[in-house]
Protein backbone atom coordinates (compact mmCIF):
# COMPACT_ATOMS: atom_id res chain seq x y z
CA UNK A 1 340.23 81.18 141.72
CA UNK A 2 342.53 83.49 139.82
CA UNK A 3 341.14 86.06 137.44
CA UNK A 4 343.37 88.02 135.15
CA UNK A 5 342.00 91.26 133.77
CA UNK A 6 343.77 93.45 131.28
CA UNK A 7 342.61 96.83 132.49
CA UNK A 8 341.34 98.94 129.60
CA UNK A 9 343.21 102.04 128.51
CA UNK A 10 340.37 104.00 126.91
CA UNK A 11 337.55 105.67 128.86
CA UNK A 12 334.78 103.98 126.85
CA UNK A 13 336.32 100.59 127.53
CA UNK A 14 336.63 101.38 131.25
CA UNK A 15 332.93 102.24 131.36
CA UNK A 16 332.12 98.99 129.55
CA UNK A 17 334.13 97.02 132.12
CA UNK A 18 332.41 98.82 135.01
CA UNK A 19 329.00 98.04 133.50
CA UNK A 20 329.83 94.38 133.02
CA UNK A 21 331.10 94.04 136.59
CA UNK A 22 327.97 95.77 137.90
CA UNK A 23 325.79 93.43 135.83
CA UNK A 24 327.65 90.43 137.22
CA UNK A 25 327.21 91.64 140.81
CA UNK A 26 323.50 92.29 140.23
CA UNK A 27 323.04 88.80 138.81
CA UNK A 28 324.78 87.25 141.82
CA UNK A 29 322.62 89.26 144.21
CA UNK A 30 319.40 88.23 142.47
CA UNK A 31 320.42 84.56 142.49
CA UNK A 32 321.26 84.72 146.21
CA UNK A 33 317.87 86.24 146.96
CA UNK A 34 316.09 83.63 144.80
CA UNK A 35 317.65 80.82 146.82
CA UNK A 36 316.74 82.20 150.24
CA UNK A 37 314.43 79.93 152.20
CA UNK A 38 311.68 82.54 152.56
CA UNK A 39 308.46 83.37 150.74
CA UNK A 40 308.40 85.39 147.52
CA UNK A 41 306.89 88.46 149.20
CA UNK A 42 309.83 88.62 151.60
CA UNK A 43 312.28 88.17 148.73
CA UNK A 44 310.67 91.07 146.90
CA UNK A 45 310.85 93.23 150.04
CA UNK A 46 314.56 92.47 150.41
CA UNK A 47 315.26 93.33 146.79
CA UNK A 48 313.24 96.55 147.01
CA UNK A 49 315.08 97.55 150.20
CA UNK A 50 318.44 97.02 148.51
CA UNK A 51 317.36 99.02 145.46
CA UNK A 52 316.12 101.91 147.62
CA UNK A 53 319.38 101.96 149.57
CA UNK A 54 321.39 102.03 146.34
CA UNK A 55 319.25 104.88 145.00
CA UNK A 56 319.84 106.89 148.18
CA UNK A 57 323.59 106.26 148.02
CA UNK A 58 323.67 107.23 144.35
CA UNK A 59 321.84 110.47 145.16
CA UNK A 60 324.34 111.24 147.92
CA UNK A 61 327.27 110.62 145.59
CA UNK A 62 325.71 112.66 142.78
CA UNK A 63 325.19 115.64 145.10
CA UNK A 64 328.88 115.88 146.04
């Protein structure tokens, strides 16, 4: 699949694009977890583990 993106010139537009891409990735992740052949408790544990890891990484990046 080819995707053509006209990269934004203005900072506000760049932030908007970043947010939309992040939202898209989050939606894909949630859908993948929903379709795993495991119980709902395990799905929740996986999602929580991912969220905790992202929080830790964000903290590391913020402290630079």
